[in-house]
Amino acid sequence: MQELKTGDVVRSPRFGNIRIARTYEDENQAFADGYTESAHVWDIEGWRIFGKYTESNRLPEFAAAKIEVS
């Protein structure tokens, strides 16, 4: 599994290059903090990337949450 950390940049077909603002050990905590918009990043094994809109008409802030890989 690739490790992601705050400040890393990943590629999203929906948003282009995105910078990770936060990382979480559990995606439920990311949801609780308002990160609910999928960034549609498929190639990072063990992670799911979510966005949270902070202002209207702006790209969201992004977070990465670890997920179980089976």
N, C-alpha and C. Protein backbone atom coordinates (compact mmCIF):
# COMPACT_ATOMS: atom_id res chain seq x y z
N MET A 1 0.85 -1.18 0.00
CA MET A 1 0.00 0.00 0.00
C MET A 1 0.89 1.24 0.00
N GLN A 2 0.57 2.16 -0.87
CA GLN A 2 1.28 3.45 -0.94
C GLN A 2 0.90 4.28 0.28
N GLU A 3 1.86 4.97 0.85
CA GLU A 3 1.57 5.87 1.96
C GLU A 3 1.30 7.26 1.43
N LEU A 4 0.26 7.89 1.92
CA LEU A 4 -0.04 9.28 1.59
C LEU A 4 0.12 10.12 2.84
N LYS A 5 0.53 11.36 2.66
CA LYS A 5 0.65 12.27 3.79
C LYS A 5 0.17 13.67 3.37
N THR A 6 -0.07 14.50 4.33
CA THR A 6 -0.48 15.87 4.07
C THR A 6 0.53 16.54 3.15
N GLY A 7 0.03 17.20 2.10
CA GLY A 7 0.88 17.89 1.15
C GLY A 7 1.17 17.10 -0.11
N ASP A 8 0.92 15.79 -0.10
CA ASP A 8 1.11 14.99 -1.31
C ASP A 8 0.13 15.43 -2.40
N VAL A 9 0.54 15.27 -3.65
CA VAL A 9 -0.31 15.60 -4.79
C VAL A 9 -0.65 14.32 -5.52
N VAL A 10 -1.94 14.13 -5.81
CA VAL A 10 -2.41 12.98 -6.58
C VAL A 10 -3.22 13.48 -7.76
N ARG A 11 -3.38 12.61 -8.74
CA ARG A 11 -4.10 12.97 -9.97
C ARG A 11 -5.53 12.44 -9.90
N SER A 12 -6.48 13.30 -10.21
CA SER A 12 -7.89 12.94 -10.25
C SER A 12 -8.45 13.28 -11.62
N PRO A 13 -9.14 12.34 -12.29
CA PRO A 13 -9.74 12.68 -13.58
C PRO A 13 -10.82 13.75 -13.45
N ARG A 14 -11.39 13.89 -12.29
CA ARG A 14 -12.45 14.88 -12.08
C ARG A 14 -11.90 16.27 -11.77
N PHE A 15 -10.81 16.34 -10.96
CA PHE A 15 -10.31 17.63 -10.48
C PHE A 15 -8.89 17.95 -10.93
N GLY A 16 -8.23 17.07 -11.65
CA GLY A 16 -6.84 17.30 -12.05
C GLY A 16 -5.89 16.97 -10.91
N ASN A 17 -4.81 17.72 -10.78
CA ASN A 17 -3.87 17.51 -9.68
C ASN A 17 -4.46 18.10 -8.41
N ILE A 18 -4.51 17.28 -7.37
CA ILE A 18 -5.06 17.75 -6.09
C ILE A 18 -4.05 17.52 -4.98
N ARG A 19 -4.03 18.44 -4.04
CA ARG A 19 -3.12 18.35 -2.89
C ARG A 19 -3.91 17.86 -1.67
N ILE A 20 -3.36 16.90 -0.98
CA ILE A 20 -4.01 16.33 0.20
C ILE A 20 -3.80 17.26 1.39
N ALA A 21 -4.92 17.72 1.97
CA ALA A 21 -4.87 18.64 3.11
C ALA A 21 -4.82 17.89 4.45
N ARG A 22 -5.43 16.69 4.49
CA ARG A 22 -5.47 15.89 5.72
C ARG A 22 -5.47 14.43 5.36
N THR A 23 -5.01 13.60 6.29
CA THR A 23 -5.13 12.15 6.14
C THR A 23 -5.84 11.60 7.36
N TYR A 24 -6.55 10.51 7.15
CA TYR A 24 -7.31 9.86 8.22
C TYR A 24 -7.03 8.36 8.23
N GLU A 25 -7.07 7.78 9.40
CA GLU A 25 -6.94 6.34 9.55
C GLU A 25 -8.27 5.64 9.27
N ASP A 26 -9.37 6.39 9.28
CA ASP A 26 -10.71 5.82 9.14
C ASP A 26 -11.57 6.77 8.30
N GLU A 27 -12.19 6.24 7.23
CA GLU A 27 -12.99 7.11 6.37
C GLU A 27 -14.22 7.66 7.07
N ASN A 28 -14.71 7.01 8.12
CA ASN A 28 -15.85 7.55 8.86
C ASN A 28 -15.51 8.87 9.53
N GLN A 29 -14.26 9.01 10.00
CA GLN A 29 -13.84 10.28 10.60
C GLN A 29 -13.77 11.38 9.55
N ALA A 30 -13.32 11.03 8.33
CA ALA A 30 -13.30 12.01 7.23
C ALA A 30 -14.71 12.49 6.93
N PHE A 31 -15.68 11.55 6.90
CA PHE A 31 -17.08 11.93 6.67
C PHE A 31 -17.56 12.86 7.77
N ALA A 32 -17.23 12.53 9.01
CA ALA A 32 -17.67 13.35 10.15
C ALA A 32 -17.11 14.76 10.07
N ASP A 33 -15.93 14.91 9.48
CA ASP A 33 -15.32 16.24 9.34
C ASP A 33 -15.75 16.95 8.06
N GLY A 34 -16.70 16.35 7.32
CA GLY A 34 -17.28 17.03 6.16
C GLY A 34 -16.69 16.66 4.82
N TYR A 35 -15.74 15.73 4.78
CA TYR A 35 -15.16 15.28 3.50
C TYR A 35 -16.05 14.19 2.92
N THR A 36 -16.93 14.58 2.00
CA THR A 36 -17.93 13.65 1.48
C THR A 36 -17.96 13.57 -0.04
N GLU A 37 -17.30 14.47 -0.73
CA GLU A 37 -17.34 14.53 -2.20
C GLU A 37 -16.23 13.65 -2.77
N SER A 38 -16.60 12.62 -3.53
CA SER A 38 -15.60 11.72 -4.09
C SER A 38 -14.73 12.44 -5.11
N ALA A 39 -13.42 12.20 -5.05
CA ALA A 39 -12.49 12.79 -6.02
C ALA A 39 -12.26 11.87 -7.20
N HIS A 40 -12.83 10.66 -7.17
CA HIS A 40 -12.72 9.69 -8.26
C HIS A 40 -11.26 9.36 -8.58
N VAL A 41 -10.49 9.08 -7.56
CA VAL A 41 -9.11 8.63 -7.73
C VAL A 41 -9.13 7.12 -7.52
N TRP A 42 -8.73 6.36 -8.54
CA TRP A 42 -8.86 4.90 -8.47
C TRP A 42 -7.55 4.17 -8.27
N ASP A 43 -6.43 4.79 -8.52
CA ASP A 43 -5.19 4.03 -8.59
C ASP A 43 -4.31 4.11 -7.34
N ILE A 44 -4.85 4.50 -6.22
CA ILE A 44 -4.07 4.56 -4.99
C ILE A 44 -4.59 3.48 -4.05
N GLU A 45 -3.91 2.35 -4.07
CA GLU A 45 -4.37 1.20 -3.30
C GLU A 45 -4.38 1.51 -1.81
N GLY A 46 -5.50 1.20 -1.18
CA GLY A 46 -5.62 1.38 0.26
C GLY A 46 -6.07 2.75 0.71
N TRP A 47 -6.40 3.63 -0.22
CA TRP A 47 -6.82 4.99 0.13
C TRP A 47 -8.04 5.40 -0.68
N ARG A 48 -8.87 6.21 -0.09
CA ARG A 48 -9.98 6.84 -0.79
C ARG A 48 -9.84 8.35 -0.56
N ILE A 49 -10.01 9.12 -1.63
CA ILE A 49 -9.82 10.57 -1.57
C ILE A 49 -11.19 11.25 -1.63
N PHE A 50 -11.40 12.18 -0.71
CA PHE A 50 -12.66 12.92 -0.62
C PHE A 50 -12.39 14.41 -0.59
N GLY A 51 -13.35 15.18 -1.08
CA GLY A 51 -13.27 16.63 -1.02
C GLY A 51 -14.32 17.20 -0.10
N LYS A 52 -14.06 18.43 0.35
CA LYS A 52 -15.01 19.17 1.19
C LYS A 52 -15.02 20.60 0.66
N TYR A 53 -16.20 21.06 0.23
CA TYR A 53 -16.31 22.43 -0.27
C TYR A 53 -16.25 23.40 0.90
N THR A 54 -15.37 24.38 0.77
CA THR A 54 -15.20 25.36 1.84
C THR A 54 -15.79 26.72 1.47
N GLU A 55 -15.92 27.00 0.18
CA GLU A 55 -16.53 28.24 -0.32
C GLU A 55 -17.24 27.91 -1.62
N SER A 56 -18.27 28.64 -1.96
CA SER A 56 -18.97 28.38 -3.21
C SER A 56 -18.08 28.72 -4.40
N ASN A 57 -18.27 27.97 -5.49
CA ASN A 57 -17.55 28.17 -6.75
C ASN A 57 -16.03 28.00 -6.63
N ARG A 58 -15.58 27.20 -5.72
CA ARG A 58 -14.15 26.90 -5.57
C ARG A 58 -13.97 25.40 -5.52
N LEU A 59 -12.79 24.95 -5.91
CA LEU A 59 -12.49 23.53 -5.77
C LEU A 59 -12.47 23.16 -4.30
N PRO A 60 -12.81 21.94 -3.99
CA PRO A 60 -12.83 21.53 -2.59
C PRO A 60 -11.42 21.32 -2.02
N GLU A 61 -11.37 21.28 -0.71
CA GLU A 61 -10.17 20.85 0.01
C GLU A 61 -10.24 19.33 0.06
N PHE A 62 -9.11 18.65 -0.04
CA PHE A 62 -9.12 17.19 -0.15
C PHE A 62 -8.46 16.51 1.03
N ALA A 63 -8.98 15.32 1.35
CA ALA A 63 -8.42 14.48 2.41
C ALA A 63 -8.33 13.05 1.88
N ALA A 64 -7.40 12.31 2.44
CA ALA A 64 -7.23 10.90 2.10
C ALA A 64 -7.56 10.06 3.33
N ALA A 65 -8.36 9.01 3.13
CA ALA A 65 -8.73 8.12 4.23
C ALA A 65 -8.31 6.70 3.88
N LYS A 66 -7.68 6.04 4.84
CA LYS A 66 -7.29 4.65 4.64
C LYS A 66 -8.54 3.77 4.56
N ILE A 67 -8.49 2.80 3.67
CA ILE A 67 -9.58 1.83 3.56
C ILE A 67 -8.99 0.43 3.60
N GLU A 68 -9.80 -0.52 3.97
CA GLU A 68 -9.37 -1.91 3.99
C GLU A 68 -9.27 -2.44 2.58
N VAL A 69 -8.18 -3.09 2.27
CA VAL A 69 -7.98 -3.69 0.95
C VAL A 69 -8.10 -5.19 1.11
N SER A 70 -9.00 -5.78 0.32
CA SER A 70 -9.17 -7.23 0.44
C SER A 70 -8.51 -7.96 -0.70
